[in-house]
Amino acid sequence: MKKSERAEIILKILDQTYPKTPIPLDHKDIYTLLVAVLLSAQCTDERVNQVTPKLFKLASSPKKMSTLSQDKIYKIIKPCGLGPKKSKAIRDLSLILVNKYRIENPRGFS
């Protein structure tokens, strides 16, 4: 059996076992979920949900986020802890999505 066939079987089993898994992090698309997950390391989901509205008001796409300075991102996400590393990671991942994969907005994901 090929890996892809096994993966398909596993996905079917997971879909049957967990038909609707709630995501406690507030998000509007896959990019904002990615950023929220990054922020959730060593932080509560509640705190992440308090911080992300302000961040996503400034930049809710990889292109917009990549234009923000690391310091600007840090000032917003500081309450989540590990701010210097997380702000760098958010900016870097946004730059990678834009520059390497040419993804400027969340609809670019599939």
Protein backbone atom coordinates (compact mmCIF):
# COMPACT_ATOMS: atom_id res chain seq x y z
CA MET A 1 0.00 0.00 0.00
CA LYS A 2 1.33 3.45 -0.95
CA LYS A 3 1.87 6.18 1.63
CA SER A 4 -0.83 8.28 -0.03
CA GLU A 5 -3.33 5.41 0.26
CA ARG A 6 -2.48 4.91 3.94
CA ALA A 7 -2.80 8.64 4.53
CA GLU A 8 -6.23 8.65 2.90
CA ILE A 9 -7.40 5.78 5.14
CA ILE A 10 -6.07 7.55 8.24
CA LEU A 11 -7.81 10.79 7.24
CA LYS A 12 -11.12 8.95 6.81
CA ILE A 13 -10.77 7.37 10.25
CA LEU A 14 -9.91 10.72 11.83
CA ASP A 15 -12.81 12.44 10.07
CA GLN A 16 -15.21 9.78 11.37
CA THR A 17 -13.78 9.86 14.89
CA TYR A 18 -13.49 13.65 15.12
CA PRO A 19 -16.04 15.10 12.68
CA LYS A 20 -15.82 18.67 13.94
CA THR A 21 -12.85 19.65 16.07
CA PRO A 22 -13.27 23.12 17.55
CA ILE A 23 -10.34 25.50 17.26
CA PRO A 24 -10.14 27.68 20.38
CA LEU A 25 -7.98 30.32 18.68
CA ASP A 26 -9.87 33.14 16.99
CA HIS A 27 -8.97 33.36 13.31
CA LYS A 28 -10.51 34.25 9.97
CA ASP A 29 -8.37 32.15 7.63
CA ILE A 30 -5.45 29.77 7.57
CA TYR A 31 -2.82 32.52 7.81
CA THR A 32 -4.31 34.14 10.92
CA LEU A 33 -4.64 30.65 12.43
CA LEU A 34 -0.96 30.01 11.70
CA VAL A 35 0.04 33.22 13.49
CA ALA A 36 -2.29 32.47 16.41
CA VAL A 37 -0.80 28.98 16.78
CA LEU A 38 2.69 30.45 16.78
CA LEU A 39 1.64 32.87 19.53
CA SER A 40 0.05 30.10 21.58
CA ALA A 41 3.40 28.54 22.54
CA GLN A 42 3.81 28.97 26.30
CA CYS A 43 0.65 31.14 26.35
CA THR A 44 -3.04 30.58 26.96
CA ASP A 45 -5.52 30.60 24.09
CA GLU A 46 -7.44 33.28 25.98
CA ARG A 47 -4.41 35.59 26.00
CA VAL A 48 -3.74 34.94 22.30
CA ASN A 49 -7.37 35.81 21.53
CA GLN A 50 -6.92 39.10 23.43
CA VAL A 51 -3.76 40.03 21.51
CA THR A 52 -4.53 38.97 17.94
CA PRO A 53 -7.33 41.45 17.15
CA LYS A 54 -4.92 44.37 17.49
CA LEU A 55 -2.24 42.57 15.47
CA PHE A 56 -4.62 41.49 12.72
CA LYS A 57 -6.14 44.97 12.53
CA LEU A 58 -2.70 46.19 11.42
CA ALA A 59 -1.84 43.18 9.28
CA SER A 60 -3.93 40.09 8.58
CA SER A 61 -2.05 38.87 5.52
CA PRO A 62 1.52 37.74 4.93
CA LYS A 63 2.21 40.72 2.68
CA LYS A 64 1.01 43.30 5.22
CA MET A 65 2.68 41.51 8.13
CA SER A 66 6.00 41.38 6.29
CA THR A 67 5.97 45.18 6.05
CA LEU A 68 5.74 45.63 9.82
CA SER A 69 8.92 45.95 11.80
CA GLN A 70 9.80 43.24 14.26
CA ASP A 71 9.62 45.88 17.00
CA LYS A 72 6.07 46.89 16.01
CA ILE A 73 4.94 43.25 16.12
CA TYR A 74 6.73 42.75 19.46
CA LYS A 75 4.97 45.70 21.09
CA ILE A 76 1.60 44.13 20.26
CA ILE A 77 2.35 40.51 21.13
CA LYS A 78 4.48 41.13 24.23
CA PRO A 79 1.71 39.95 26.64
CA CYS A 80 1.95 36.46 25.09
CA GLY A 81 5.50 36.00 26.36
CA LEU A 82 8.62 35.11 24.39
CA GLY A 83 7.93 38.28 22.41
CA PRO A 84 11.33 38.80 20.77
CA LYS A 85 11.43 35.28 19.32
CA LYS A 86 7.76 35.22 18.37
CA SER A 87 7.84 38.63 16.69
CA LYS A 88 10.87 37.56 14.65
CA ALA A 89 9.18 34.26 13.75
CA ILE A 90 5.96 35.99 12.64
CA ARG A 91 7.84 38.45 10.47
CA ASP A 92 10.16 35.78 9.05
CA LEU A 93 7.35 33.35 8.21
CA SER A 94 5.45 36.18 6.52
CA LEU A 95 8.51 37.09 4.46
CA ILE A 96 8.98 33.45 3.46
CA LEU A 97 5.34 33.14 2.37
CA VAL A 98 5.59 36.31 0.29
CA ASN A 99 9.09 35.97 -1.15
CA LYS A 100 9.49 32.23 -1.58
CA TYR A 101 5.93 31.07 -2.18
CA ARG A 102 4.44 34.31 -3.62
CA ILE A 103 1.55 34.18 -1.17
CA GLU A 104 0.38 37.70 -0.46
CA ASN A 105 -3.01 37.04 1.05
CA PRO A 106 -4.65 34.08 2.82
CA ARG A 107 -6.72 33.13 -0.20
CA GLY A 108 -3.43 32.06 -1.76
CA PHE A 109 -3.50 28.96 0.47
CA SER A 110 -5.30 25.85 -0.58
